[in-house]
Amino acid sequence: MNLKIKDISYHRNGICGKGFYAILFDWEEDKGKSRSMVASVFDGEGQCAVYDLAELLKGNITFACGNSWRGDHFEGALREAIEKHPTNRIGPFALPFVVKP
């Protein structure tokens, strides 16, 4: 999968909610078309949501209407990027703590 990671940020999701990674990335499809995408990746396997940023900016969040993406197709590459990318995970659930340069 041809992804170019732009940024990764860890979000606490409130006091008691499950935290997640917000990821901005470009995806080059097989046809050579590039899309700017955003993903939410939670700690559990199979917990990955992916959206086309241009469609979000148009207000399109509707399933099966131009902004439906299979998170399982992106999940492996996104989790690999999380492992390689320094993020700020803050709190007792966030070891190890890494500060972005």
C-alpha atoms as a PDB file:
ATOM      1  CA  MET A   1       0.000   0.000   0.000  1.00  0.00           C
ATOM      2  CA  ASN A   2       1.479   3.328  -1.071  1.00  0.00           C
ATOM      3  CA  LEU A   3       0.871   5.766   1.812  1.00  0.00           C
ATOM      4  CA  LYS A   4       2.662   9.007   2.597  1.00  0.00           C
ATOM      5  CA  ILE A   5       2.120   9.889   6.250  1.00  0.00           C
ATOM      6  CA  LYS A   6       1.665  13.623   6.853  1.00  0.00           C
ATOM      7  CA  ASP A   7       1.039  13.588  10.619  1.00  0.00           C
ATOM      8  CA  ILE A   8       0.005  11.320  13.478  1.00  0.00           C
ATOM      9  CA  SER A   9      -1.490  12.551  16.742  1.00  0.00           C
ATOM     10  CA  TYR A  10      -2.781  10.596  19.721  1.00  0.00           C
ATOM     11  CA  HIS A  11      -6.117  11.734  21.167  1.00  0.00           C
ATOM     12  CA  ARG A  12      -7.288  10.888  24.683  1.00  0.00           C
ATOM     13  CA  ASN A  13     -11.001  10.934  23.776  1.00  0.00           C
ATOM     14  CA  GLY A  14     -12.110  12.414  27.089  1.00  0.00           C
ATOM     15  CA  ILE A  15     -11.378  11.182  30.576  1.00  0.00           C
ATOM     16  CA  CYS A  16     -12.701   7.637  30.322  1.00  0.00           C
ATOM     17  CA  GLY A  17     -13.030   7.093  26.568  1.00  0.00           C
ATOM     18  CA  LYS A  18     -10.773   4.888  24.493  1.00  0.00           C
ATOM     19  CA  GLY A  19      -7.900   6.862  23.027  1.00  0.00           C
ATOM     20  CA  PHE A  20      -7.093   6.743  19.325  1.00  0.00           C
ATOM     21  CA  TYR A  21      -4.603   7.935  16.738  1.00  0.00           C
ATOM     22  CA  ALA A  22      -5.663  10.560  14.204  1.00  0.00           C
ATOM     23  CA  ILE A  23      -3.616  10.137  11.027  1.00  0.00           C
ATOM     24  CA  LEU A  24      -3.387  12.411   7.987  1.00  0.00           C
ATOM     25  CA  PHE A  25      -1.944  10.710   4.923  1.00  0.00           C
ATOM     26  CA  ASP A  26      -1.863  10.683   1.156  1.00  0.00           C
ATOM     27  CA  TRP A  27      -2.783   7.454  -0.577  1.00  0.00           C
ATOM     28  CA  GLU A  28      -1.732   6.745  -4.136  1.00  0.00           C
ATOM     29  CA  GLU A  29      -4.274   4.396  -5.642  1.00  0.00           C
ATOM     30  CA  ASP A  30      -3.339   1.777  -8.231  1.00  0.00           C
ATOM     31  CA  LYS A  31      -4.540   4.091 -10.994  1.00  0.00           C
ATOM     32  CA  GLY A  32      -1.967   6.744 -10.031  1.00  0.00           C
ATOM     33  CA  LYS A  33      -4.616   8.964  -8.457  1.00  0.00           C
ATOM     34  CA  SER A  34      -3.646  10.446  -5.094  1.00  0.00           C
ATOM     35  CA  ARG A  35      -6.134  11.112  -2.292  1.00  0.00           C
ATOM     36  CA  SER A  36      -5.674  12.998   0.967  1.00  0.00           C
ATOM     37  CA  MET A  37      -7.104  10.785   3.679  1.00  0.00           C
ATOM     38  CA  VAL A  38      -7.729  10.869   7.426  1.00  0.00           C
ATOM     39  CA  ALA A  39      -7.943   7.852   9.720  1.00  0.00           C
ATOM     40  CA  SER A  40      -8.897   7.114  13.308  1.00  0.00           C
ATOM     41  CA  VAL A  41      -7.036   4.072  14.618  1.00  0.00           C
ATOM     42  CA  PHE A  42      -7.927   2.652  18.039  1.00  0.00           C
ATOM     43  CA  ASP A  43      -5.715   0.229  19.966  1.00  0.00           C
ATOM     44  CA  GLY A  44      -7.778  -2.888  19.221  1.00  0.00           C
ATOM     45  CA  GLU A  45      -7.359  -4.921  16.043  1.00  0.00           C
ATOM     46  CA  GLY A  46     -10.017  -4.136  13.438  1.00  0.00           C
ATOM     47  CA  GLN A  47     -10.673  -0.694  14.917  1.00  0.00           C
ATOM     48  CA  CYS A  48      -9.732   1.587  12.040  1.00  0.00           C
ATOM     49  CA  ALA A  49     -11.886   4.150  10.210  1.00  0.00           C
ATOM     50  CA  VAL A  50     -10.685   5.892   7.030  1.00  0.00           C
ATOM     51  CA  TYR A  51     -12.178   8.878   5.181  1.00  0.00           C
ATOM     52  CA  ASP A  52     -11.324  10.875   2.066  1.00  0.00           C
ATOM     53  CA  LEU A  53     -10.529  14.395   3.290  1.00  0.00           C
ATOM     54  CA  ALA A  54     -11.944  16.126   0.182  1.00  0.00           C
ATOM     55  CA  GLU A  55     -15.259  14.327   0.698  1.00  0.00           C
ATOM     56  CA  LEU A  56     -15.310  15.331   4.378  1.00  0.00           C
ATOM     57  CA  LEU A  57     -14.745  18.961   3.394  1.00  0.00           C
ATOM     58  CA  LYS A  58     -17.808  18.700   1.129  1.00  0.00           C
ATOM     59  CA  GLY A  59     -19.782  17.401   4.113  1.00  0.00           C
ATOM     60  CA  ASN A  60     -19.977  13.854   2.781  1.00  0.00           C
ATOM     61  CA  ILE A  61     -19.935  11.292   5.593  1.00  0.00           C
ATOM     62  CA  THR A  62     -22.524   8.991   4.005  1.00  0.00           C
ATOM     63  CA  PHE A  63     -21.755   5.284   3.718  1.00  0.00           C
ATOM     64  CA  ALA A  64     -21.562   3.964   0.132  1.00  0.00           C
ATOM     65  CA  CYS A  65     -21.786   7.465  -1.385  1.00  0.00           C
ATOM     66  CA  GLY A  66     -18.186   8.315  -2.216  1.00  0.00           C
ATOM     67  CA  ASN A  67     -16.622   8.264   1.235  1.00  0.00           C
ATOM     68  CA  SER A  68     -16.654   4.603   2.273  1.00  0.00           C
ATOM     69  CA  TRP A  69     -13.244   3.010   2.720  1.00  0.00           C
ATOM     70  CA  ARG A  70     -12.325  -0.368   4.112  1.00  0.00           C
ATOM     71  CA  GLY A  71     -10.304   0.294   7.236  1.00  0.00           C
ATOM     72  CA  ASP A  72      -8.984  -3.272   7.160  1.00  0.00           C
ATOM     73  CA  HIS A  73      -7.216  -2.509   3.862  1.00  0.00           C
ATOM     74  CA  PHE A  74      -5.341   0.410   5.450  1.00  0.00           C
ATOM     75  CA  GLU A  75      -4.953  -0.848   9.015  1.00  0.00           C
ATOM     76  CA  GLY A  76      -1.667  -2.760   8.672  1.00  0.00           C
ATOM     77  CA  ALA A  77       0.175   0.101   6.973  1.00  0.00           C
ATOM     78  CA  LEU A  78      -1.278   2.659   9.408  1.00  0.00           C
ATOM     79  CA  ARG A  79      -0.306   0.614  12.477  1.00  0.00           C
ATOM     80  CA  GLU A  80       3.195   0.214  11.052  1.00  0.00           C
ATOM     81  CA  ALA A  81       3.394   4.006  10.615  1.00  0.00           C
ATOM     82  CA  ILE A  82       2.241   4.502  14.226  1.00  0.00           C
ATOM     83  CA  GLU A  83       5.103   2.294  15.429  1.00  0.00           C
ATOM     84  CA  LYS A  84       7.640   4.358  13.465  1.00  0.00           C
ATOM     85  CA  HIS A  85       6.225   7.841  14.145  1.00  0.00           C
ATOM     86  CA  PRO A  86       6.859   9.730  17.386  1.00  0.00           C
ATOM     87  CA  THR A  87       3.601  10.834  19.024  1.00  0.00           C
ATOM     88  CA  ASN A  88       2.520  12.486  22.240  1.00  0.00           C
ATOM     89  CA  ARG A  89       0.635   9.872  24.260  1.00  0.00           C
ATOM     90  CA  ILE A  90      -0.140  11.619  27.516  1.00  0.00           C
ATOM     91  CA  GLY A  91      -1.303   9.980  30.733  1.00  0.00           C
ATOM     92  CA  PRO A  92      -0.790   6.726  32.631  1.00  0.00           C
ATOM     93  CA  PHE A  93      -2.116   4.701  29.678  1.00  0.00           C
ATOM     94  CA  ALA A  94       0.524   6.190  27.421  1.00  0.00           C
ATOM     95  CA  LEU A  95       3.849   4.451  27.978  1.00  0.00           C
ATOM     96  CA  PRO A  96       6.304   5.075  26.531  1.00  0.00           C
ATOM     97  CA  PHE A  97       5.994   8.847  26.329  1.00  0.00           C
ATOM     98  CA  VAL A  98       7.620  10.367  23.229  1.00  0.00           C
ATOM     99  CA  VAL A  99       7.816  14.078  22.403  1.00  0.00           C
ATOM    100  CA  LYS A 100       7.603  15.186  18.768  1.00  0.00           C
ATOM    101  CA  PRO A 101      10.714  17.012  17.535  1.00  0.00           C
END
